[in-house]
PDB file of N, CA and C in Angstrom:
ATOM      1  N   MET A   1      89.248 105.543  34.084  1.00  0.00           N
ATOM      2  CA  MET A   1      89.294 104.512  35.409  1.00  0.00           C
ATOM      3  C   MET A   1      89.770 105.109  36.613  1.00  0.00           C
ATOM      4  N   ALA A   2      90.201 106.226  36.631  1.00  0.00           N
ATOM      5  CA  ALA A   2      90.717 106.714  37.881  1.00  0.00           C
ATOM      6  C   ALA A   2      89.618 107.392  38.326  1.00  0.00           C
ATOM      7  N   THR A   3      89.029 108.498  37.096  1.00  0.00           N
ATOM      8  CA  THR A   3      87.658 108.757  37.561  1.00  0.00           C
ATOM      9  C   THR A   3      86.717 108.351  38.138  1.00  0.00           C
ATOM     10  N   ILE A   4      86.156 107.127  37.432  1.00  0.00           N
ATOM     11  CA  ILE A   4      85.320 106.188  38.415  1.00  0.00           C
ATOM     12  C   ILE A   4      85.793 105.645  39.546  1.00  0.00           C
ATOM     13  N   THR A   5      87.036 105.460  39.879  1.00  0.00           N
ATOM     14  CA  THR A   5      87.204 105.175  41.353  1.00  0.00           C
ATOM     15  C   THR A   5      86.884 106.313  42.308  1.00  0.00           C
ATOM     16  N   MET A   6      87.575 107.730  41.782  1.00  0.00           N
ATOM     17  CA  MET A   6      87.218 108.729  42.236  1.00  0.00           C
ATOM     18  C   MET A   6      85.744 109.080  42.739  1.00  0.00           C
ATOM     19  N   MET A   7      84.953 109.247  41.479  1.00  0.00           N
ATOM     20  CA  MET A   7      83.820 109.146  42.187  1.00  0.00           C
ATOM     21  C   MET A   7      83.406 108.335  42.775  1.00  0.00           C
ATOM     22  N   THR A   8      83.538 106.827  43.144  1.00  0.00           N
ATOM     23  CA  THR A   8      83.096 106.092  44.254  1.00  0.00           C
ATOM     24  C   THR A   8      83.393 106.473  45.375  1.00  0.00           C
ATOM     25  N   ARG A   9      84.639 106.875  45.429  1.00  0.00           N
ATOM     26  CA  ARG A   9      85.225 107.297  46.675  1.00  0.00           C
ATOM     27  C   ARG A   9      84.461 108.421  47.576  1.00  0.00           C
ATOM     28  N   THR A  10      83.509 109.366  46.325  1.00  0.00           N
ATOM     29  CA  THR A  10      83.285 110.525  46.736  1.00  0.00           C
ATOM     30  C   THR A  10      81.776 110.261  46.823  1.00  0.00           C
ATOM     31  N   ALA A  11      81.382 109.031  45.969  1.00  0.00           N
ATOM     32  CA  ALA A  11      80.125 108.385  46.668  1.00  0.00           C
ATOM     33  C   ALA A  11      79.987 108.074  48.368  1.00  0.00           C
ATOM     34  N   LEU A  12      80.947 107.221  48.355  1.00  0.00           N
ATOM     35  CA  LEU A  12      80.758 106.708  49.603  1.00  0.00           C
ATOM     36  C   LEU A  12      81.285 107.782  50.739  1.00  0.00           C
ATOM     37  N   ALA A  13      82.327 108.565  50.614  1.00  0.00           N
ATOM     38  CA  ALA A  13      82.465 110.180  51.356  1.00  0.00           C
ATOM     39  C   ALA A  13      81.255 110.509  51.650  1.00  0.00           C
ATOM     40  N   ASP A  14      80.265 110.761  50.789  1.00  0.00           N
ATOM     41  CA  ASP A  14      79.059 111.397  50.956  1.00  0.00           C
ATOM     42  C   ASP A  14      77.672 110.809  52.059  1.00  0.00           C
ATOM     43  N   ALA A  15      78.060 109.159  51.344  1.00  0.00           N
ATOM     44  CA  ALA A  15      77.029 108.628  52.174  1.00  0.00           C
ATOM     45  C   ALA A  15      77.524 108.125  54.089  1.00  0.00           C
ATOM     46  N   LEU A  16      78.809 108.342  54.189  1.00  0.00           N
ATOM     47  CA  LEU A  16      79.137 108.414  55.475  1.00  0.00           C
ATOM     48  C   LEU A  16      78.754 109.370  56.432  1.00  0.00           C
ATOM     49  N   MET A  17      78.783 110.664  55.264  1.00  0.00           N
ATOM     50  CA  MET A  17      78.909 112.119  56.365  1.00  0.00           C
ATOM     51  C   MET A  17      77.339 111.841  56.092  1.00  0.00           C
ATOM     52  N   ALA A  18      76.664 111.604  55.609  1.00  0.00           N
ATOM     53  CA  ALA A  18      74.998 111.614  55.680  1.00  0.00           C
ATOM     54  C   ALA A  18      74.459 110.563  56.879  1.00  0.00           C
ATOM     55  N   GLU A  19      75.280 109.307  57.042  1.00  0.00           N
ATOM     56  CA  GLU A  19      74.944 108.644  58.121  1.00  0.00           C
ATOM     57  C   GLU A  19      75.603 108.946  59.559  1.00  0.00           C
ATOM     58  N   ASP A  20      76.532 109.628  59.291  1.00  0.00           N
ATOM     59  CA  ASP A  20      77.078 110.121  60.768  1.00  0.00           C
ATOM     60  C   ASP A  20      76.463 111.645  61.253  1.00  0.00           C
ATOM     61  N   HIS A  21      75.188 111.828  60.079  1.00  0.00           N
ATOM     62  CA  HIS A  21      74.717 113.430  61.067  1.00  0.00           C
ATOM     63  C   HIS A  21      73.665 112.357  61.269  1.00  0.00           C
ATOM     64  N   ALA A  22      72.782 111.587  60.319  1.00  0.00           N
ATOM     65  CA  ALA A  22      71.957 110.957  61.473  1.00  0.00           C
ATOM     66  C   ALA A  22      71.927 110.220  62.202  1.00  0.00           C
ATOM     67  N   GLU A  23      72.866 109.618  62.026  1.00  0.00           N
ATOM     68  CA  GLU A  23      72.950 108.759  63.683  1.00  0.00           C
ATOM     69  C   GLU A  23      73.318 109.770  64.958  1.00  0.00           C
ATOM     70  N   ASP A  24      74.043 110.956  64.499  1.00  0.00           N
ATOM     71  CA  ASP A  24      74.463 111.464  65.580  1.00  0.00           C
ATOM     72  C   ASP A  24      73.076 112.196  66.245  1.00  0.00           C
ATOM     73  N   ASN A  25      72.144 112.492  65.110  1.00  0.00           N
ATOM     74  CA  ASN A  25      70.702 113.481  65.682  1.00  0.00           C
ATOM     75  C   ASN A  25      69.848 112.470  65.742  1.00  0.00           C
ATOM     76  N   GLY A  26      69.767 110.962  65.894  1.00  0.00           N
ATOM     77  CA  GLY A  26      68.625 110.061  66.562  1.00  0.00           C
ATOM     78  C   GLY A  26      68.038 109.234  65.440  1.00  0.00           C
ATOM     79  N   TRP A  27      68.330 110.128  63.996  1.00  0.00           N
ATOM     80  CA  TRP A  27      67.522 109.460  62.849  1.00  0.00           C
ATOM     81  C   TRP A  27      67.776 107.971  62.214  1.00  0.00           C
ATOM     82  N   LEU A  28      68.706 107.203  62.889  1.00  0.00           N
ATOM     83  CA  LEU A  28      69.741 106.691  62.305  1.00  0.00           C
ATOM     84  C   LEU A  28      70.132 105.202  63.688  1.00  0.00           C
ATOM     85  N   ASP A  29      69.934 104.495  63.475  1.00  0.00           N
ATOM     86  CA  ASP A  29      70.570 103.236  64.758  1.00  0.00           C
ATOM     87  C   ASP A  29      71.964 103.064  64.093  1.00  0.00           C
ATOM     88  N   ALA A  30      72.844 102.736  64.966  1.00  0.00           N
ATOM     89  CA  ALA A  30      74.322 102.482  64.573  1.00  0.00           C
ATOM     90  C   ALA A  30      74.335 101.328  63.918  1.00  0.00           C
ATOM     91  N   LEU A  31      73.108 100.427  64.235  1.00  0.00           N
ATOM     92  CA  LEU A  31      73.284  99.159  63.672  1.00  0.00           C
ATOM     93  C   LEU A  31      72.918  99.176  62.147  1.00  0.00           C
ATOM     94  N   ASP A  32      72.264  99.916  61.820  1.00  0.00           N
ATOM     95  CA  ASP A  32      71.306  99.962  60.694  1.00  0.00           C
ATOM     96  C   ASP A  32      72.147 100.552  59.214  1.00  0.00           C
ATOM     97  N   ARG A  33      73.338 101.450  59.740  1.00  0.00           N
ATOM     98  CA  ARG A  33      74.163 102.019  58.551  1.00  0.00           C
ATOM     99  C   ARG A  33      74.359 101.063  57.537  1.00  0.00           C
ATOM    100  N   MET A  34      75.034 101.465  56.605  1.00  0.00           N
ATOM    101  CA  MET A  34      75.188 101.087  55.594  1.00  0.00           C
ATOM    102  C   MET A  34      76.277 101.064  55.074  1.00  0.00           C
ATOM    103  N   THR A  35      77.195 102.055  55.883  1.00  0.00           N
ATOM    104  CA  THR A  35      78.747 102.288  56.274  1.00  0.00           C
ATOM    105  C   THR A  35      79.523 102.248  57.741  1.00  0.00           C
ATOM    106  N   CYS A  36      80.258 101.807  57.464  1.00  0.00           N
ATOM    107  CA  CYS A  36      81.353 101.136  58.838  1.00  0.00           C
ATOM    108  C   CYS A  36      81.728 102.839  59.087  1.00  0.00           C
ATOM    109  N   PRO A  37      81.602 103.718  60.362  1.00  0.00           N
ATOM    110  CA  PRO A  37      82.215 104.723  60.760  1.00  0.00           C
ATOM    111  C   PRO A  37      83.932 104.465  61.273  1.00  0.00           C
ATOM    112  N   ALA A  38      84.205 103.237  61.825  1.00  0.00           N
ATOM    113  CA  ALA A  38      85.410 102.946  62.015  1.00  0.00           C
ATOM    114  C   ALA A  38      86.302 102.322  60.647  1.00  0.00           C
ATOM    115  N   HIS A  39      85.831 101.984  59.759  1.00  0.00           N
ATOM    116  CA  HIS A  39      86.892 101.641  58.864  1.00  0.00           C
ATOM    117  C   HIS A  39      86.661 102.447  57.462  1.00  0.00           C
ATOM    118  N   ARG A  40      85.676 103.066  57.672  1.00  0.00           N
ATOM    119  CA  ARG A  40      85.365 104.412  56.181  1.00  0.00           C
ATOM    120  C   ARG A  40      84.952 103.839  55.263  1.00  0.00           C
ATOM    121  N   ARG A  41      84.571 102.481  55.288  1.00  0.00           N
ATOM    122  CA  ARG A  41      83.958 101.449  54.386  1.00  0.00           C
ATOM    123  C   ARG A  41      82.575 100.909  54.372  1.00  0.00           C
ATOM    124  N   TRP A  42      81.964 100.521  53.018  1.00  0.00           N
ATOM    125  CA  TRP A  42      80.949 100.172  52.947  1.00  0.00           C
ATOM    126  C   TRP A  42      81.448  99.001  54.160  1.00  0.00           C
ATOM    127  N   VAL A  43      79.957  98.914  54.390  1.00  0.00           N
ATOM    128  CA  VAL A  43      79.834  98.023  55.485  1.00  0.00           C
ATOM    129  C   VAL A  43      79.933  96.383  54.984  1.00  0.00           C
ATOM    130  N   HIS A  44      79.284  96.275  53.985  1.00  0.00           N
ATOM    131  CA  HIS A  44      79.504  94.813  53.687  1.00  0.00           C
ATOM    132  C   HIS A  44      81.191  94.340  53.032  1.00  0.00           C
ATOM    133  N   GLN A  45      82.016  95.365  53.349  1.00  0.00           N
ATOM    134  CA  GLN A  45      83.392  94.884  52.532  1.00  0.00           C
ATOM    135  C   GLN A  45      84.339  94.973  53.918  1.00  0.00           C
ATOM    136  N   CYS A  46      83.506  95.404  55.402  1.00  0.00           N
ATOM    137  CA  CYS A  46      84.489  94.989  56.731  1.00  0.00           C
ATOM    138  C   CYS A  46      83.482  94.427  57.398  1.00  0.00           C
ATOM    139  N   CYS A  47      82.522  93.711  57.343  1.00  0.00           N
ATOM    140  CA  CYS A  47      82.041  93.219  58.428  1.00  0.00           C
ATOM    141  C   CYS A  47      81.997  91.889  59.240  1.00  0.00           C
ATOM    142  N   HIS A  48      83.355  91.126  58.178  1.00  0.00           N
ATOM    143  CA  HIS A  48      84.157  90.478  58.534  1.00  0.00           C
ATOM    144  C   HIS A  48      84.871  91.028  59.750  1.00  0.00           C
ATOM    145  N   SER A  49      85.482  92.159  59.742  1.00  0.00           N
ATOM    146  CA  SER A  49      86.807  92.283  61.108  1.00  0.00           C
ATOM    147  C   SER A  49      86.092  92.224  62.182  1.00  0.00           C
ATOM    148  N   ASP A  50      86.665  91.369  63.127  1.00  0.00           N
ATOM    149  CA  ASP A  50      86.043  90.987  64.662  1.00  0.00           C
ATOM    150  C   ASP A  50      85.100  92.488  65.007  1.00  0.00           C
ATOM    151  N   LEU A  51      86.062  93.756  65.266  1.00  0.00           N
ATOM    152  CA  LEU A  51      85.192  94.762  65.410  1.00  0.00           C
ATOM    153  C   LEU A  51      83.943  94.475  65.300  1.00  0.00           C
ATOM    154  N   HIS A  52      83.184  93.752  63.682  1.00  0.00           N
ATOM    155  CA  HIS A  52      81.516  93.802  64.075  1.00  0.00           C
ATOM    156  C   HIS A  52      80.766  92.983  65.049  1.00  0.00           C
ATOM    157  N   VAL A  53      81.823  92.222  65.728  1.00  0.00           N
ATOM    158  CA  VAL A  53      81.375  91.026  66.119  1.00  0.00           C
ATOM    159  C   VAL A  53      80.788  91.282  68.050  1.00  0.00           C
ATOM    160  N   SER A  54      79.448  91.322  68.235  1.00  0.00           N
ATOM    161  CA  SER A  54      78.996  91.950  69.409  1.00  0.00           C
ATOM    162  C   SER A  54      78.612  90.775  70.778  1.00  0.00           C
ATOM    163  N   ARG A  55      78.954  90.223  71.402  1.00  0.00           N
ATOM    164  CA  ARG A  55      78.360  88.941  72.337  1.00  0.00           C
ATOM    165  C   ARG A  55      76.929  89.770  73.122  1.00  0.00           C
ATOM    166  N   VAL A  56      77.519  91.328  73.266  1.00  0.00           N
ATOM    167  CA  VAL A  56      76.294  91.521  74.166  1.00  0.00           C
ATOM    168  C   VAL A  56      74.628  91.575  72.989  1.00  0.00           C
ATOM    169  N   SER A  57      74.867  92.211  71.644  1.00  0.00           N
ATOM    170  CA  SER A  57      73.964  92.466  70.990  1.00  0.00           C
ATOM    171  C   SER A  57      74.013  90.919  69.671  1.00  0.00           C
ATOM    172  N   GLY A  58      74.483  90.509  69.762  1.00  0.00           N
ATOM    173  CA  GLY A  58      74.418  88.878  69.388  1.00  0.00           C
ATOM    174  C   GLY A  58      74.872  88.818  67.541  1.00  0.00           C
ATOM    175  N   HIS A  59      75.029  90.128  67.362  1.00  0.00           N
ATOM    176  CA  HIS A  59      75.638  90.288  66.213  1.00  0.00           C
ATOM    177  C   HIS A  59      77.198  89.541  65.953  1.00  0.00           C
ATOM    178  N   ARG A  60      77.258  88.508  64.644  1.00  0.00           N
ATOM    179  CA  ARG A  60      78.029  87.883  64.131  1.00  0.00           C
ATOM    180  C   ARG A  60      78.038  86.778  65.464  1.00  0.00           C
ATOM    181  N   TRP A  61      77.360  86.476  66.236  1.00  0.00           N
ATOM    182  CA  TRP A  61      78.089  85.863  67.468  1.00  0.00           C
ATOM    183  C   TRP A  61      77.098  84.545  67.372  1.00  0.00           C
ATOM    184  N   CYS A  62      77.505  83.893  67.788  1.00  0.00           N
ATOM    185  CA  CYS A  62      76.801  82.420  68.204  1.00  0.00           C
ATOM    186  C   CYS A  62      76.964  81.861  69.180  1.00  0.00           C
ATOM    187  N   ARG A  63      75.672  82.441  70.385  1.00  0.00           N
ATOM    188  CA  ARG A  63      75.603  81.842  71.624  1.00  0.00           C
ATOM    189  C   ARG A  63      75.754  80.094  72.046  1.00  0.00           C
ATOM    190  N   PRO A  64      75.232  79.620  71.367  1.00  0.00           N
ATOM    191  CA  PRO A  64      75.573  78.132  72.052  1.00  0.00           C
ATOM    192  C   PRO A  64      76.828  77.266  71.924  1.00  0.00           C
ATOM    193  N   CYS A  65      77.441  78.217  71.036  1.00  0.00           N
ATOM    194  CA  CYS A  65      79.076  77.373  70.641  1.00  0.00           C
ATOM    195  C   CYS A  65      80.193  78.949  71.143  1.00  0.00           C
ATOM    196  N   GLY A  66      79.543  80.103  71.558  1.00  0.00           N
ATOM    197  CA  GLY A  66      80.273  81.197  71.918  1.00  0.00           C
ATOM    198  C   GLY A  66      81.828  81.286  71.056  1.00  0.00           C
ATOM    199  N   ARG A  67      81.411  81.359  69.625  1.00  0.00           N
ATOM    200  CA  ARG A  67      82.231  82.155  68.258  1.00  0.00           C
ATOM    201  C   ARG A  67      81.548  82.868  67.819  1.00  0.00           C
ATOM    202  N   ALA A  68      82.518  83.558  66.995  1.00  0.00           N
ATOM    203  CA  ALA A  68      82.447  84.718  66.158  1.00  0.00           C
ATOM    204  C   ALA A  68      81.753  84.079  64.750  1.00  0.00           C
ATOM    205  N   LEU A  69      80.382  84.258  64.140  1.00  0.00           N
ATOM    206  CA  LEU A  69      80.130  83.970  62.894  1.00  0.00           C
ATOM    207  C   LEU A  69      80.992  84.280  61.744  1.00  0.00           C
ATOM    208  N   GLU A  70      81.293  83.569  60.542  1.00  0.00           N
ATOM    209  CA  GLU A  70      81.940  83.749  59.710  1.00  0.00           C
ATOM    210  C   GLU A  70      80.530  84.318  58.497  1.00  0.00           C
ATOM    211  N   VAL A  71      81.423  85.224  58.167  1.00  0.00           N
ATOM    212  CA  VAL A  71      80.382  86.370  56.987  1.00  0.00           C
ATOM    213  C   VAL A  71      80.833  85.946  55.285  1.00  0.00           C
ATOM    214  N   ALA A  72      79.890  85.149  54.776  1.00  0.00           N
ATOM    215  CA  ALA A  72      80.465  85.372  53.174  1.00  0.00           C
ATOM    216  C   ALA A  72      79.756  86.061  52.385  1.00  0.00           C
ATOM    217  N   VAL A  73      80.434  87.658  51.540  1.00  0.00           N
ATOM    218  CA  VAL A  73      79.746  88.539  51.397  1.00  0.00           C
ATOM    219  C   VAL A  73      79.937  87.928  49.307  1.00  0.00           C
ATOM    220  N   ASP A  74      79.083  87.355  48.561  1.00  0.00           N
ATOM    221  CA  ASP A  74      79.017  87.293  47.086  1.00  0.00           C
ATOM    222  C   ASP A  74      78.430  88.705  46.725  1.00  0.00           C
ATOM    223  N   GLU A  75      79.583  89.319  45.868  1.00  0.00           N
ATOM    224  CA  GLU A  75      79.481  90.747  45.545  1.00  0.00           C
ATOM    225  C   GLU A  75      78.689  90.560  44.082  1.00  0.00           C
ATOM    226  N   VAL A  76      78.900  89.525  43.500  1.00  0.00           N
ATOM    227  CA  VAL A  76      78.327  89.148  41.899  1.00  0.00           C
ATOM    228  C   VAL A  76      77.158  88.463  41.975  1.00  0.00           C
ATOM    229  N   GLY A  77      76.848  87.473  43.196  1.00  0.00           N
ATOM    230  CA  GLY A  77      75.335  87.493  43.046  1.00  0.00           C
ATOM    231  C   GLY A  77      74.632  87.850  43.988  1.00  0.00           C
ATOM    232  N   ARG A  78      75.218  89.010  44.706  1.00  0.00           N
ATOM    233  CA  ARG A  78      74.543  89.881  45.962  1.00  0.00           C
ATOM    234  C   ARG A  78      73.896  88.713  47.066  1.00  0.00           C
ATOM    235  N   THR A  79      75.054  88.154  47.028  1.00  0.00           N
ATOM    236  CA  THR A  79      74.373  87.585  48.710  1.00  0.00           C
ATOM    237  C   THR A  79      75.105  87.567  49.635  1.00  0.00           C
ATOM    238  N   ILE A  80      74.650  87.510  50.953  1.00  0.00           N
ATOM    239  CA  ILE A  80      75.769  87.382  52.224  1.00  0.00           C
ATOM    240  C   ILE A  80      74.901  86.575  53.143  1.00  0.00           C
ATOM    241  N   ALA A  81      75.581  85.734  53.859  1.00  0.00           N
ATOM    242  CA  ALA A  81      75.149  84.412  54.494  1.00  0.00           C
ATOM    243  C   ALA A  81      76.450  84.848  55.524  1.00  0.00           C
ATOM    244  N   LEU A  82      76.089  84.046  56.768  1.00  0.00           N
ATOM    245  CA  LEU A  82      76.245  84.305  58.113  1.00  0.00           C
ATOM    246  C   LEU A  82      76.432  82.247  58.572  1.00  0.00           C
ATOM    247  N   HIS A  83      77.612  82.171  58.880  1.00  0.00           N
ATOM    248  CA  HIS A  83      77.626  80.967  59.248  1.00  0.00           C
ATOM    249  C   HIS A  83      78.777  80.832  60.404  1.00  0.00           C
ATOM    250  N   CYS A  84      78.546  79.807  61.495  1.00  0.00           N
ATOM    251  CA  CYS A  84      79.137  79.367  62.493  1.00  0.00           C
ATOM    252  C   CYS A  84      80.239  77.807  62.627  1.00  0.00           C
ATOM    253  N   PRO A  85      81.144  78.709  62.118  1.00  0.00           N
ATOM    254  CA  PRO A  85      82.610  77.544  62.622  1.00  0.00           C
ATOM    255  C   PRO A  85      82.278  76.229  63.191  1.00  0.00           C
ATOM    256  N   GLY A  86      81.371  76.559  64.435  1.00  0.00           N
ATOM    257  CA  GLY A  86      81.551  75.509  65.416  1.00  0.00           C
ATOM    258  C   GLY A  86      79.886  74.622  65.112  1.00  0.00           C
ATOM    259  N   CYS A  87      79.434  75.219  65.347  1.00  0.00           N
ATOM    260  CA  CYS A  87      77.782  74.216  65.130  1.00  0.00           C
ATOM    261  C   CYS A  87      76.863  74.136  63.638  1.00  0.00           C
ATOM    262  N   GLY A  88      77.862  74.920  62.764  1.00  0.00           N
ATOM    263  CA  GLY A  88      77.029  75.249  61.639  1.00  0.00           C
ATOM    264  C   GLY A  88      75.939  75.721  61.225  1.00  0.00           C
ATOM    265  N   ARG A  89      75.259  76.780  62.181  1.00  0.00           N
ATOM    266  CA  ARG A  89      74.299  77.238  62.464  1.00  0.00           C
ATOM    267  C   ARG A  89      74.550  78.229  61.774  1.00  0.00           C
ATOM    268  N   GLY A  90      73.254  78.780  60.738  1.00  0.00           N
ATOM    269  CA  GLY A  90      73.250  80.184  59.975  1.00  0.00           C
ATOM    270  C   GLY A  90      72.618  81.407  60.775  1.00  0.00           C
ATOM    271  N   ALA A  91      71.912  82.230  60.143  1.00  0.00           N
ATOM    272  CA  ALA A  91      71.635  83.878  60.284  1.00  0.00           C
ATOM    273  C   ALA A  91      70.174  82.981  61.353  1.00  0.00           C
ATOM    274  N   ARG A  92      70.337  83.006  61.975  1.00  0.00           N
ATOM    275  CA  ARG A  92      68.593  83.031  63.083  1.00  0.00           C
ATOM    276  C   ARG A  92      68.389  83.996  63.889  1.00  0.00           C
ATOM    277  N   THR A  93      68.826  85.015  64.263  1.00  0.00           N
ATOM    278  CA  THR A  93      68.631  85.795  65.116  1.00  0.00           C
ATOM    279  C   THR A  93      68.066  86.939  64.552  1.00  0.00           C
ATOM    280  N   ARG A  94      67.568  88.335  65.366  1.00  0.00           N
ATOM    281  CA  ARG A  94      67.511  89.398  64.730  1.00  0.00           C
ATOM    282  C   ARG A  94      68.596  90.169  65.338  1.00  0.00           C
ATOM    283  N   ALA A  95      69.491  90.012  65.301  1.00  0.00           N
ATOM    284  CA  ALA A  95      70.891  90.749  65.425  1.00  0.00           C
ATOM    285  C   ALA A  95      71.476  89.886  63.909  1.00  0.00           C
ATOM    286  N   ASP A  96      71.045  88.845  63.469  1.00  0.00           N
ATOM    287  CA  ASP A  96      71.724  88.378  62.179  1.00  0.00           C
ATOM    288  C   ASP A  96      71.076  88.825  61.012  1.00  0.00           C
ATOM    289  N   ALA A  97      69.743  88.714  61.480  1.00  0.00           N
ATOM    290  CA  ALA A  97      68.942  89.132  60.108  1.00  0.00           C
ATOM    291  C   ALA A  97      69.267  91.028  59.759  1.00  0.00           C
ATOM    292  N   GLN A  98      69.745  91.588  60.560  1.00  0.00           N
ATOM    293  CA  GLN A  98      70.175  93.203  61.083  1.00  0.00           C
ATOM    294  C   GLN A  98      71.273  93.192  60.182  1.00  0.00           C
ATOM    295  N   LEU A  99      72.155  92.438  60.391  1.00  0.00           N
ATOM    296  CA  LEU A  99      73.680  92.912  59.624  1.00  0.00           C
ATOM    297  C   LEU A  99      73.304  92.307  58.351  1.00  0.00           C
ATOM    298  N   VAL A 100      72.323  91.012  57.864  1.00  0.00           N
ATOM    299  CA  VAL A 100      72.691  90.646  56.637  1.00  0.00           C
ATOM    300  C   VAL A 100      71.444  91.758  56.055  1.00  0.00           C
ATOM    301  N   ALA A 101      70.842  92.284  56.488  1.00  0.00           N
ATOM    302  CA  ALA A 101      69.727  93.502  55.803  1.00  0.00           C
ATOM    303  C   ALA A 101      71.034  95.079  55.434  1.00  0.00           C
ATOM    304  N   ALA A 102      71.960  95.163  56.730  1.00  0.00           N
ATOM    305  CA  ALA A 102      72.700  96.148  56.590  1.00  0.00           C
ATOM    306  C   ALA A 102      73.728  96.017  55.254  1.00  0.00           C
ATOM    307  N   CYS A 103      73.870  94.836  55.250  1.00  0.00           N
ATOM    308  CA  CYS A 103      75.194  94.390  53.976  1.00  0.00           C
ATOM    309  C   CYS A 103      74.309  94.568  52.797  1.00  0.00           C
ATOM    310  N   ALA A 104      73.036  93.758  52.598  1.00  0.00           N
ATOM    311  CA  ALA A 104      72.249  94.013  51.666  1.00  0.00           C
ATOM    312  C   ALA A 104      72.462  95.200  50.790  1.00  0.00           C
ATOM    313  N   ALA A 105      72.161  96.302  51.702  1.00  0.00           N
ATOM    314  CA  ALA A 105      71.991  97.482  51.357  1.00  0.00           C
ATOM    315  C   ALA A 105      73.040  98.379  51.040  1.00  0.00           C
ATOM    316  N   SER A 106      73.809  97.780  51.960  1.00  0.00           N
ATOM    317  CA  SER A 106      75.146  97.882  51.600  1.00  0.00           C
ATOM    318  C   SER A 106      75.563  97.998  50.092  1.00  0.00           C
ATOM    319  N   LEU A 107      75.370  96.524  49.986  1.00  0.00           N
ATOM    320  CA  LEU A 107      76.007  96.106  48.778  1.00  0.00           C
ATOM    321  C   LEU A 107      75.525  96.622  47.645  1.00  0.00           C
ATOM    322  N   THR A 108      73.731  96.923  47.959  1.00  0.00           N
ATOM    323  CA  THR A 108      73.294  97.353  46.743  1.00  0.00           C
ATOM    324  C   THR A 108      73.067  98.970  46.318  1.00  0.00           C
ATOM    325  N   ALA A 109      73.995  99.843  47.341  1.00  0.00           N
ATOM    326  CA  ALA A 109      74.396 101.314  47.531  1.00  0.00           C
ATOM    327  C   ALA A 109      75.455 101.452  46.412  1.00  0.00           C
ATOM    328  N   SER A 110      76.680 100.483  47.098  1.00  0.00           N
ATOM    329  CA  SER A 110      77.596 100.284  45.968  1.00  0.00           C
ATOM    330  C   SER A 110      77.697 100.215  44.692  1.00  0.00           C
ATOM    331  N   VAL A 111      77.024  99.329  44.588  1.00  0.00           N
ATOM    332  CA  VAL A 111      77.135  98.956  43.108  1.00  0.00           C
ATOM    333  C   VAL A 111      75.986  99.701  42.231  1.00  0.00           C
ATOM    334  N   THR A 112      75.260 100.459  42.844  1.00  0.00           N
ATOM    335  CA  THR A 112      73.855 101.601  41.865  1.00  0.00           C
ATOM    336  C   THR A 112      74.686 102.682  41.516  1.00  0.00           C
ATOM    337  N   THR A 113      75.853 102.799  43.060  1.00  0.00           N
ATOM    338  CA  THR A 113      76.912 104.225  42.605  1.00  0.00           C
ATOM    339  C   THR A 113      77.768 103.524  41.392  1.00  0.00           C
ATOM    340  N   ARG A 114      78.120 102.473  41.393  1.00  0.00           N
ATOM    341  CA  ARG A 114      79.081 102.003  40.331  1.00  0.00           C
ATOM    342  C   ARG A 114      78.674 102.228  38.900  1.00  0.00           C
ATOM    343  N   THR A 115      77.240 101.691  39.074  1.00  0.00           N
ATOM    344  CA  THR A 115      76.443 101.561  37.879  1.00  0.00           C
ATOM    345  C   THR A 115      76.308 103.409  37.513  1.00  0.00           C
ATOM    346  N   ARG A 116      75.621 103.353  38.015  1.00  0.00           N
ATOM    347  CA  ARG A 116      75.662 105.238  37.764  1.00  0.00           C
ATOM    348  C   ARG A 116      76.572 106.239  37.466  1.00  0.00           C
ATOM    349  N   ILE A 117      77.591 105.848  37.664  1.00  0.00           N
ATOM    350  CA  ILE A 117      78.839 106.366  37.320  1.00  0.00           C
ATOM    351  C   ILE A 117      79.849 105.756  36.542  1.00  0.00           C
ATOM    352  N   ALA A 118      79.585 104.700  35.920  1.00  0.00           N
ATOM    353  CA  ALA A 118      79.766 103.866  34.921  1.00  0.00           C
ATOM    354  C   ALA A 118      78.808 104.411  33.334  1.00  0.00           C
ATOM    355  N   ALA A 119      77.488 104.679  33.707  1.00  0.00           N
ATOM    356  CA  ALA A 119      76.775 104.870  32.565  1.00  0.00           C
ATOM    357  C   ALA A 119      76.748 106.755  31.845  1.00  0.00           C
TER     358      ALA A 119
END
């Protein structure tokens, strides 16, 4: 188990380093990352943090209500959903779709890493 945990951490560290490099060189948009440079985690594991709410870009933000959207990540079912606690709207904007896509890619990458290590 310790070996699997260490390998998983190594895969995450490698992904973080690669995305940091790609972003620094202009090859990757910061909002398309699978990893979080602030939390140093897979983005689906920390996207619920208030740090990931942006009124300007609309990421995790309901403009009509002026509230942060809630995020539900189901790692077993591999689903990601956004929900406004005020009006109940779900993911509708390009920013919402971008966050869901980044979380889905992050979830897939983390599961693929665990599957490869366990095999």
